[in-house]
């Protein structure tokens, strides 16, 4: 499983300024980061994994978004032209991301995993602003500038606004 040390070493090798933040209590989901760190939810980045069915084939798709604006399955289905989209099980999340479910970091994800970035997050975040994300561990978070995170997250920005379908 990926962890804070692996992320730290990977970022150091790329000379990216960052901070591994020690949390005051156990984190069970990235949704808890804003309250725990005292930061706006828009600056907390999360990864949600969905099981997407298109033309009878099912595959996992990970979506990077802010904690404040997680996309619903119906929005993902409309954006991808998928027949069905549902949240992935914890087992699937663990298996396809190599992170603990609920604590997936947008970095060091497997290349074979389809990764989308919610364009609303990219457009709404000042590049010099610090963002926070989970590290796969329950007692740490990652803090780095948005200008570094989005290019390092090997995902494709996708417009998820305007697809107002219910999930």
N, C-alpha and C. Protein backbone atom coordinates (compact mmCIF):
# COMPACT_ATOMS: atom_id res chain seq x y z
N UNK A 1 0.84 -1.19 0.00
CA UNK A 1 0.00 0.00 0.00
C UNK A 1 0.89 1.26 0.00
N UNK A 2 0.42 2.26 -0.73
CA UNK A 2 1.13 3.55 -0.75
C UNK A 2 0.92 4.25 0.60
N UNK A 3 1.89 5.07 0.98
CA UNK A 3 1.79 5.78 2.25
C UNK A 3 2.50 7.12 2.17
N UNK A 4 2.50 7.85 3.27
CA UNK A 4 3.08 9.19 3.32
C UNK A 4 4.57 9.18 2.98
N UNK A 5 5.29 8.18 3.43
CA UNK A 5 6.72 8.12 3.15
C UNK A 5 6.99 7.95 1.65
N UNK A 6 6.23 7.09 0.99
CA UNK A 6 6.39 6.90 -0.46
C UNK A 6 6.08 8.21 -1.21
N UNK A 7 5.04 8.90 -0.80
CA UNK A 7 4.68 10.18 -1.42
C UNK A 7 5.78 11.20 -1.18
N UNK A 8 6.25 11.28 0.06
CA UNK A 8 7.31 12.22 0.44
C UNK A 8 8.57 11.98 -0.41
N UNK A 9 8.99 10.75 -0.51
CA UNK A 9 10.20 10.43 -1.31
C UNK A 9 9.99 10.77 -2.78
N UNK A 10 8.83 10.47 -3.32
CA UNK A 10 8.52 10.73 -4.72
C UNK A 10 8.56 12.24 -5.00
N UNK A 11 7.97 13.03 -4.09
CA UNK A 11 7.98 14.49 -4.27
C UNK A 11 9.38 15.06 -4.09
N UNK A 12 10.15 14.53 -3.14
CA UNK A 12 11.53 14.99 -2.95
C UNK A 12 12.36 14.74 -4.21
N UNK A 13 12.18 13.58 -4.83
CA UNK A 13 12.92 13.25 -6.04
C UNK A 13 12.61 14.23 -7.17
N UNK A 14 11.44 14.84 -7.13
CA UNK A 14 11.03 15.82 -8.14
C UNK A 14 11.25 17.26 -7.68
N UNK A 15 11.86 17.40 -6.50
CA UNK A 15 12.15 18.70 -5.90
C UNK A 15 10.90 19.57 -5.76
N UNK A 16 9.83 18.94 -5.30
CA UNK A 16 8.56 19.64 -5.07
C UNK A 16 8.44 19.95 -3.58
N UNK A 17 8.30 21.24 -3.29
CA UNK A 17 8.12 21.66 -1.90
C UNK A 17 6.75 21.18 -1.42
N UNK A 18 6.74 20.51 -0.28
CA UNK A 18 5.50 19.97 0.27
C UNK A 18 5.68 19.77 1.78
N UNK A 19 4.60 19.39 2.42
CA UNK A 19 4.66 19.12 3.85
C UNK A 19 3.76 17.93 4.16
N UNK A 20 4.27 16.99 4.90
CA UNK A 20 3.44 15.92 5.44
C UNK A 20 2.97 16.41 6.80
N UNK A 21 1.68 16.59 6.95
CA UNK A 21 1.09 17.16 8.15
C UNK A 21 0.64 16.05 9.09
N UNK A 22 1.07 16.12 10.33
CA UNK A 22 0.65 15.16 11.36
C UNK A 22 -0.73 15.62 11.84
N UNK A 23 -1.71 14.73 11.79
CA UNK A 23 -3.08 15.08 12.16
C UNK A 23 -3.30 14.88 13.66
N UNK A 24 -4.22 15.69 14.24
CA UNK A 24 -4.44 15.61 15.69
C UNK A 24 -5.23 14.37 16.13
N UNK A 25 -5.91 13.73 15.17
CA UNK A 25 -6.64 12.50 15.50
C UNK A 25 -6.74 11.64 14.23
N UNK A 26 -7.28 10.48 14.38
CA UNK A 26 -7.37 9.52 13.27
C UNK A 26 -8.33 10.01 12.20
N UNK A 27 -7.88 9.93 10.97
CA UNK A 27 -8.67 10.31 9.80
C UNK A 27 -9.32 9.05 9.23
N UNK A 28 -10.62 9.08 9.02
CA UNK A 28 -11.28 7.92 8.44
C UNK A 28 -11.66 8.16 6.98
N UNK A 29 -11.67 9.44 6.58
CA UNK A 29 -12.01 9.79 5.20
C UNK A 29 -11.46 11.18 4.90
N UNK A 30 -11.13 11.42 3.63
CA UNK A 30 -10.65 12.74 3.23
C UNK A 30 -11.69 13.83 3.49
N UNK A 31 -12.95 13.44 3.62
CA UNK A 31 -14.02 14.40 3.91
C UNK A 31 -13.80 15.10 5.26
N UNK A 32 -13.03 14.51 6.14
CA UNK A 32 -12.78 15.08 7.46
C UNK A 32 -11.64 16.10 7.48
N UNK A 33 -10.89 16.21 6.38
CA UNK A 33 -9.72 17.10 6.35
C UNK A 33 -10.06 18.57 6.65
N UNK A 34 -11.12 19.15 6.06
CA UNK A 34 -11.38 20.57 6.34
C UNK A 34 -11.55 20.87 7.83
N UNK A 35 -12.35 20.07 8.50
CA UNK A 35 -12.58 20.30 9.93
C UNK A 35 -11.31 20.04 10.74
N UNK A 36 -10.61 18.97 10.41
CA UNK A 36 -9.43 18.59 11.16
C UNK A 36 -8.29 19.60 11.00
N UNK A 37 -8.14 20.17 9.80
CA UNK A 37 -7.05 21.11 9.53
C UNK A 37 -7.46 22.57 9.65
N UNK A 38 -8.77 22.83 9.78
CA UNK A 38 -9.25 24.20 9.88
C UNK A 38 -9.07 24.96 8.58
N UNK A 39 -9.30 24.29 7.45
CA UNK A 39 -9.16 24.91 6.13
C UNK A 39 -10.48 24.79 5.37
N UNK A 40 -10.68 25.62 4.34
CA UNK A 40 -11.92 25.52 3.56
C UNK A 40 -12.00 24.18 2.81
N UNK A 41 -13.20 23.61 2.69
CA UNK A 41 -13.36 22.34 1.97
C UNK A 41 -12.91 22.42 0.51
N UNK A 42 -12.96 23.60 -0.07
CA UNK A 42 -12.54 23.78 -1.47
C UNK A 42 -11.05 23.56 -1.66
N UNK A 43 -10.28 23.63 -0.58
CA UNK A 43 -8.83 23.42 -0.67
C UNK A 43 -8.41 22.01 -0.30
N UNK A 44 -9.40 21.15 -0.05
CA UNK A 44 -9.11 19.76 0.27
C UNK A 44 -9.48 18.90 -0.92
N UNK A 45 -8.51 18.16 -1.40
CA UNK A 45 -8.66 17.36 -2.61
C UNK A 45 -8.89 15.90 -2.23
N UNK A 46 -9.82 15.28 -2.91
CA UNK A 46 -10.15 13.89 -2.66
C UNK A 46 -10.19 13.12 -3.96
N UNK A 47 -10.08 11.82 -3.85
CA UNK A 47 -10.19 10.93 -5.01
C UNK A 47 -11.35 9.98 -4.75
N UNK A 48 -12.30 9.97 -5.68
CA UNK A 48 -13.44 9.07 -5.59
C UNK A 48 -13.32 8.06 -6.73
N UNK A 49 -13.47 6.81 -6.41
CA UNK A 49 -13.37 5.76 -7.43
C UNK A 49 -14.78 5.25 -7.72
N UNK A 50 -15.07 5.16 -9.03
CA UNK A 50 -16.35 4.66 -9.50
C UNK A 50 -16.13 3.41 -10.34
N UNK A 51 -17.13 2.54 -10.38
CA UNK A 51 -17.16 1.44 -11.34
C UNK A 51 -18.04 1.91 -12.49
N UNK A 52 -17.45 2.02 -13.67
CA UNK A 52 -18.13 2.56 -14.84
C UNK A 52 -18.37 1.45 -15.85
N UNK A 53 -19.61 1.32 -16.30
CA UNK A 53 -19.96 0.32 -17.30
C UNK A 53 -20.26 1.02 -18.61
N UNK A 54 -19.48 0.67 -19.62
CA UNK A 54 -19.65 1.22 -20.97
C UNK A 54 -19.58 0.07 -21.96
N UNK A 55 -20.58 -0.03 -22.83
CA UNK A 55 -20.64 -1.11 -23.82
C UNK A 55 -20.42 -2.48 -23.19
N UNK A 56 -21.02 -2.68 -22.04
CA UNK A 56 -20.96 -3.97 -21.37
C UNK A 56 -19.68 -4.25 -20.60
N UNK A 57 -18.69 -3.39 -20.70
CA UNK A 57 -17.42 -3.57 -19.98
C UNK A 57 -17.40 -2.69 -18.75
N UNK A 58 -16.98 -3.27 -17.63
CA UNK A 58 -16.90 -2.51 -16.39
C UNK A 58 -15.44 -2.23 -16.07
N UNK A 59 -15.14 -0.96 -15.73
CA UNK A 59 -13.77 -0.61 -15.35
C UNK A 59 -13.82 0.47 -14.27
N UNK A 60 -12.79 0.50 -13.42
CA UNK A 60 -12.74 1.55 -12.41
C UNK A 60 -12.27 2.86 -13.03
N UNK A 61 -12.84 3.95 -12.55
CA UNK A 61 -12.44 5.29 -12.96
C UNK A 61 -12.32 6.12 -11.69
N UNK A 62 -11.18 6.79 -11.53
CA UNK A 62 -10.95 7.64 -10.36
C UNK A 62 -11.16 9.09 -10.76
N UNK A 63 -11.79 9.86 -9.88
CA UNK A 63 -12.06 11.27 -10.14
C UNK A 63 -11.48 12.11 -9.01
N UNK A 64 -10.62 13.06 -9.38
CA UNK A 64 -10.06 14.01 -8.41
C UNK A 64 -10.97 15.21 -8.36
N UNK A 65 -11.39 15.58 -7.17
CA UNK A 65 -12.28 16.73 -6.98
C UNK A 65 -12.00 17.34 -5.61
N UNK A 66 -12.71 18.41 -5.31
CA UNK A 66 -12.59 18.96 -3.96
C UNK A 66 -13.57 18.23 -3.06
N UNK A 67 -13.29 18.24 -1.77
CA UNK A 67 -14.21 17.66 -0.80
C UNK A 67 -15.56 18.37 -0.88
N UNK A 68 -15.54 19.64 -1.22
CA UNK A 68 -16.77 20.43 -1.29
C UNK A 68 -17.60 20.12 -2.53
N UNK A 69 -17.02 19.50 -3.53
CA UNK A 69 -17.75 19.30 -4.78
C UNK A 69 -17.55 17.94 -5.41
N UNK A 70 -17.74 16.89 -4.65
CA UNK A 70 -17.60 15.54 -5.22
C UNK A 70 -18.67 15.33 -6.29
N UNK A 71 -18.27 14.81 -7.45
CA UNK A 71 -19.26 14.55 -8.48
C UNK A 71 -20.10 13.32 -8.16
N UNK A 72 -21.35 13.35 -8.55
CA UNK A 72 -22.25 12.22 -8.35
C UNK A 72 -22.11 11.23 -9.51
N UNK A 73 -22.49 9.99 -9.29
CA UNK A 73 -22.40 8.99 -10.37
C UNK A 73 -23.11 9.42 -11.66
N UNK A 74 -24.27 10.04 -11.55
CA UNK A 74 -25.00 10.48 -12.74
C UNK A 74 -24.23 11.50 -13.56
N UNK A 75 -23.49 12.35 -12.88
CA UNK A 75 -22.67 13.36 -13.56
C UNK A 75 -21.53 12.68 -14.32
N UNK A 76 -20.92 11.69 -13.69
CA UNK A 76 -19.83 10.95 -14.34
C UNK A 76 -20.38 10.19 -15.54
N UNK A 77 -21.55 9.57 -15.40
CA UNK A 77 -22.16 8.83 -16.50
C UNK A 77 -22.41 9.75 -17.69
N UNK A 78 -22.93 10.94 -17.44
CA UNK A 78 -23.20 11.88 -18.53
C UNK A 78 -21.91 12.36 -19.18
N UNK A 79 -20.89 12.62 -18.39
CA UNK A 79 -19.62 13.11 -18.93
C UNK A 79 -18.90 12.05 -19.76
N UNK A 80 -19.04 10.79 -19.38
CA UNK A 80 -18.32 9.71 -20.07
C UNK A 80 -19.18 8.95 -21.08
N UNK A 81 -20.48 9.25 -21.09
CA UNK A 81 -21.37 8.50 -21.96
C UNK A 81 -21.49 7.05 -21.52
N UNK A 82 -21.47 6.82 -20.23
CA UNK A 82 -21.50 5.47 -19.67
C UNK A 82 -22.94 5.02 -19.45
N UNK A 83 -23.13 3.72 -19.51
CA UNK A 83 -24.44 3.13 -19.26
C UNK A 83 -24.78 3.16 -17.77
N UNK A 84 -23.76 2.88 -16.96
CA UNK A 84 -23.98 2.81 -15.51
C UNK A 84 -22.73 3.24 -14.79
N UNK A 85 -22.91 3.97 -13.71
CA UNK A 85 -21.80 4.39 -12.85
C UNK A 85 -22.26 4.23 -11.41
N UNK A 86 -21.40 3.60 -10.63
CA UNK A 86 -21.71 3.47 -9.21
C UNK A 86 -20.43 3.60 -8.41
N UNK A 87 -20.53 4.03 -7.16
CA UNK A 87 -19.31 4.11 -6.33
C UNK A 87 -18.69 2.72 -6.20
N UNK A 88 -17.38 2.67 -6.28
CA UNK A 88 -16.66 1.40 -6.14
C UNK A 88 -16.66 0.95 -4.69
N UNK A 89 -16.62 -0.35 -4.49
CA UNK A 89 -16.54 -0.90 -3.14
C UNK A 89 -15.17 -0.59 -2.54
N UNK A 90 -15.08 -0.67 -1.24
CA UNK A 90 -13.79 -0.45 -0.57
C UNK A 90 -12.74 -1.43 -1.07
N UNK A 91 -13.15 -2.66 -1.28
CA UNK A 91 -12.22 -3.66 -1.80
C UNK A 91 -11.66 -3.23 -3.15
N UNK A 92 -12.53 -2.77 -4.05
CA UNK A 92 -12.10 -2.33 -5.38
C UNK A 92 -11.17 -1.13 -5.27
N UNK A 93 -11.53 -0.16 -4.43
CA UNK A 93 -10.70 1.04 -4.25
C UNK A 93 -9.31 0.62 -3.79
N UNK A 94 -9.23 -0.21 -2.78
CA UNK A 94 -7.93 -0.67 -2.26
C UNK A 94 -7.13 -1.38 -3.35
N UNK A 95 -7.79 -2.23 -4.12
CA UNK A 95 -7.11 -3.03 -5.12
C UNK A 95 -6.60 -2.20 -6.30
N UNK A 96 -7.40 -1.24 -6.77
CA UNK A 96 -7.01 -0.52 -7.99
C UNK A 96 -6.17 0.72 -7.73
N UNK A 97 -6.17 1.24 -6.50
CA UNK A 97 -5.39 2.46 -6.21
C UNK A 97 -4.13 2.19 -5.42
N UNK A 98 -4.08 1.11 -4.69
CA UNK A 98 -2.99 0.79 -3.77
C UNK A 98 -2.98 1.73 -2.57
N UNK A 99 -4.14 2.32 -2.28
CA UNK A 99 -4.35 3.16 -1.09
C UNK A 99 -5.53 2.60 -0.32
N UNK A 100 -5.63 2.98 0.95
CA UNK A 100 -6.79 2.62 1.75
C UNK A 100 -8.01 3.42 1.27
N UNK A 101 -9.14 2.75 1.16
CA UNK A 101 -10.37 3.40 0.73
C UNK A 101 -10.68 4.60 1.63
N UNK A 102 -11.09 5.71 1.03
CA UNK A 102 -11.39 6.93 1.77
C UNK A 102 -10.18 7.81 1.98
N UNK A 103 -8.98 7.27 1.77
CA UNK A 103 -7.74 8.00 2.03
C UNK A 103 -6.84 8.03 0.79
N UNK A 104 -7.43 7.96 -0.38
CA UNK A 104 -6.66 7.90 -1.62
C UNK A 104 -6.05 9.26 -1.95
N UNK A 105 -4.76 9.26 -2.21
CA UNK A 105 -4.04 10.45 -2.63
C UNK A 105 -4.08 10.52 -4.16
N UNK A 106 -4.15 11.71 -4.74
CA UNK A 106 -4.16 11.80 -6.20
C UNK A 106 -2.80 11.55 -6.86
N UNK A 107 -1.78 11.31 -6.07
CA UNK A 107 -0.44 11.03 -6.59
C UNK A 107 -0.12 9.54 -6.47
N UNK A 108 0.78 9.07 -7.30
CA UNK A 108 1.25 7.69 -7.30
C UNK A 108 0.15 6.67 -7.59
N UNK A 109 -0.84 7.08 -8.33
CA UNK A 109 -1.88 6.13 -8.73
C UNK A 109 -1.37 5.32 -9.92
N UNK A 110 -1.79 4.08 -10.05
CA UNK A 110 -1.32 3.23 -11.16
C UNK A 110 -1.66 3.85 -12.52
N UNK A 111 -0.74 3.71 -13.46
CA UNK A 111 -0.93 4.26 -14.80
C UNK A 111 -2.13 3.67 -15.52
N UNK A 112 -2.44 2.41 -15.24
CA UNK A 112 -3.55 1.74 -15.93
C UNK A 112 -4.92 2.23 -15.45
N UNK A 113 -4.98 2.93 -14.33
CA UNK A 113 -6.24 3.44 -13.79
C UNK A 113 -6.63 4.72 -14.52
N UNK A 114 -7.83 4.74 -15.09
CA UNK A 114 -8.34 5.95 -15.72
C UNK A 114 -8.55 6.99 -14.63
N UNK A 115 -7.95 8.17 -14.82
CA UNK A 115 -8.00 9.23 -13.82
C UNK A 115 -8.51 10.51 -14.45
N UNK A 116 -9.57 11.06 -13.90
CA UNK A 116 -10.15 12.31 -14.36
C UNK A 116 -9.97 13.36 -13.27
N UNK A 117 -9.79 14.61 -13.69
CA UNK A 117 -9.71 15.71 -12.74
C UNK A 117 -10.90 16.63 -13.02
N UNK A 118 -11.68 16.90 -12.00
CA UNK A 118 -12.83 17.80 -12.14
C UNK A 118 -12.31 19.19 -12.49
N UNK A 119 -12.64 19.66 -13.68
CA UNK A 119 -12.15 20.96 -14.15
C UNK A 119 -12.58 22.09 -13.21
N UNK A 120 -13.70 21.94 -12.53
CA UNK A 120 -14.13 22.97 -11.57
C UNK A 120 -13.07 23.18 -10.50
N UNK A 121 -12.43 22.11 -10.06
CA UNK A 121 -11.38 22.19 -9.05
C UNK A 121 -10.17 22.95 -9.59
N UNK A 122 -9.74 22.61 -10.79
CA UNK A 122 -8.59 23.25 -11.41
C UNK A 122 -8.86 24.74 -11.63
N UNK A 123 -10.04 25.05 -12.19
CA UNK A 123 -10.38 26.44 -12.51
C UNK A 123 -10.59 27.32 -11.28
N UNK A 124 -11.10 26.73 -10.20
CA UNK A 124 -11.43 27.51 -9.01
C UNK A 124 -10.26 27.67 -8.04
N UNK A 125 -9.17 26.96 -8.26
CA UNK A 125 -8.06 26.98 -7.32
C UNK A 125 -6.92 27.84 -7.84
N UNK A 126 -6.54 28.83 -7.04
CA UNK A 126 -5.38 29.66 -7.37
C UNK A 126 -4.15 28.76 -7.38
N UNK A 127 -3.34 28.81 -8.44
CA UNK A 127 -2.16 27.93 -8.52
C UNK A 127 -1.21 28.05 -7.32
N UNK A 128 -1.16 29.22 -6.69
CA UNK A 128 -0.26 29.39 -5.54
C UNK A 128 -0.90 29.00 -4.22
N UNK A 129 -2.16 28.63 -4.26
CA UNK A 129 -2.86 28.23 -3.05
C UNK A 129 -2.42 26.85 -2.60
N UNK A 130 -2.34 26.65 -1.29
CA UNK A 130 -2.04 25.33 -0.75
C UNK A 130 -3.30 24.48 -0.78
N UNK A 131 -3.14 23.23 -1.17
CA UNK A 131 -4.23 22.27 -1.11
C UNK A 131 -3.78 21.12 -0.21
N UNK A 132 -4.76 20.40 0.30
CA UNK A 132 -4.50 19.29 1.23
C UNK A 132 -5.17 18.05 0.70
N UNK A 133 -4.54 16.93 0.92
CA UNK A 133 -5.11 15.66 0.49
C UNK A 133 -4.65 14.55 1.43
N UNK A 134 -5.36 13.44 1.36
CA UNK A 134 -5.00 12.28 2.17
C UNK A 134 -3.71 11.65 1.63
N UNK A 135 -3.09 10.84 2.46
CA UNK A 135 -1.84 10.17 2.07
C UNK A 135 -1.97 8.64 2.07
N UNK A 136 -3.15 8.15 2.36
CA UNK A 136 -3.32 6.71 2.50
C UNK A 136 -3.18 6.26 3.94
N UNK A 137 -2.71 7.16 4.81
CA UNK A 137 -2.54 6.87 6.23
C UNK A 137 -3.58 7.64 7.04
N UNK A 138 -3.90 7.12 8.20
CA UNK A 138 -4.95 7.73 9.03
C UNK A 138 -4.47 8.91 9.88
N UNK A 139 -3.16 9.09 10.00
CA UNK A 139 -2.66 10.15 10.89
C UNK A 139 -1.90 11.26 10.16
N UNK A 140 -1.89 11.24 8.81
CA UNK A 140 -1.16 12.26 8.07
C UNK A 140 -1.98 12.78 6.89
N UNK A 141 -1.61 13.98 6.45
CA UNK A 141 -2.17 14.58 5.24
C UNK A 141 -1.01 15.23 4.49
N UNK A 142 -1.23 15.49 3.22
CA UNK A 142 -0.23 16.13 2.38
C UNK A 142 -0.67 17.55 2.09
N UNK A 143 0.27 18.49 2.21
CA UNK A 143 0.02 19.90 1.91
C UNK A 143 1.03 20.32 0.85
N UNK A 144 0.52 20.84 -0.28
CA UNK A 144 1.38 21.37 -1.33
C UNK A 144 0.59 22.36 -2.17
N UNK A 145 1.31 23.11 -2.98
CA UNK A 145 0.65 24.12 -3.81
C UNK A 145 -0.07 23.45 -4.98
N UNK A 146 -1.20 24.03 -5.34
CA UNK A 146 -2.00 23.52 -6.45
C UNK A 146 -1.20 23.48 -7.74
N UNK A 147 -0.31 24.44 -7.93
CA UNK A 147 0.50 24.50 -9.14
C UNK A 147 1.35 23.23 -9.31
N UNK A 148 1.64 22.55 -8.23
CA UNK A 148 2.40 21.31 -8.29
C UNK A 148 1.49 20.09 -8.39
N UNK A 149 0.38 20.12 -7.67
CA UNK A 149 -0.47 18.94 -7.61
C UNK A 149 -1.08 18.58 -8.97
N UNK A 150 -1.70 19.54 -9.62
CA UNK A 150 -2.46 19.20 -10.84
C UNK A 150 -1.58 18.66 -11.96
N UNK A 151 -0.40 19.20 -12.23
CA UNK A 151 0.44 18.59 -13.26
C UNK A 151 0.98 17.20 -12.86
N UNK A 152 1.20 16.98 -11.57
CA UNK A 152 1.72 15.69 -11.12
C UNK A 152 0.66 14.60 -11.12
N UNK A 153 -0.59 14.99 -10.94
CA UNK A 153 -1.69 14.02 -11.00
C UNK A 153 -1.93 13.73 -12.48
N UNK A 154 -1.66 12.55 -12.89
CA UNK A 154 -1.64 12.23 -14.32
C UNK A 154 -3.02 12.08 -14.94
N UNK A 155 -3.97 12.87 -14.45
CA UNK A 155 -5.33 12.75 -14.95
C UNK A 155 -5.66 13.74 -16.04
N UNK A 156 -6.81 13.52 -16.63
CA UNK A 156 -7.33 14.36 -17.69
C UNK A 156 -8.41 15.27 -17.11
N UNK A 157 -8.25 16.60 -17.23
CA UNK A 157 -9.31 17.49 -16.76
C UNK A 157 -10.59 17.30 -17.58
N UNK A 158 -11.70 17.17 -16.88
CA UNK A 158 -13.00 16.92 -17.52
C UNK A 158 -14.01 17.90 -16.94
N UNK A 159 -14.84 18.45 -17.79
CA UNK A 159 -15.89 19.36 -17.36
C UNK A 159 -17.01 18.55 -16.74
N UNK A 160 -17.21 18.69 -15.44
CA UNK A 160 -18.26 17.96 -14.75
C UNK A 160 -19.39 18.87 -14.30
N UNK A 161 -19.28 20.16 -14.56
CA UNK A 161 -20.37 21.07 -14.28
C UNK A 161 -21.33 21.02 -15.46
N UNK A 162 -22.59 21.28 -15.21
CA UNK A 162 -23.55 21.31 -16.30
C UNK A 162 -24.13 19.96 -16.63
N UNK A 163 -23.60 18.89 -16.06
CA UNK A 163 -24.19 17.57 -16.24
C UNK A 163 -25.06 17.31 -15.00
N UNK A 164 -26.12 18.04 -14.85
CA UNK A 164 -26.91 18.02 -13.62
C UNK A 164 -27.82 16.84 -13.47
N UNK A 165 -27.41 15.67 -13.82
CA UNK A 165 -28.24 14.49 -13.68
C UNK A 165 -28.19 13.98 -12.26
N UNK A 166 -29.27 13.42 -11.83
CA UNK A 166 -29.29 12.82 -10.49
C UNK A 166 -28.52 11.51 -10.54
N UNK A 167 -28.03 11.11 -9.38
CA UNK A 167 -27.27 9.85 -9.34
C UNK A 167 -28.11 8.67 -9.26
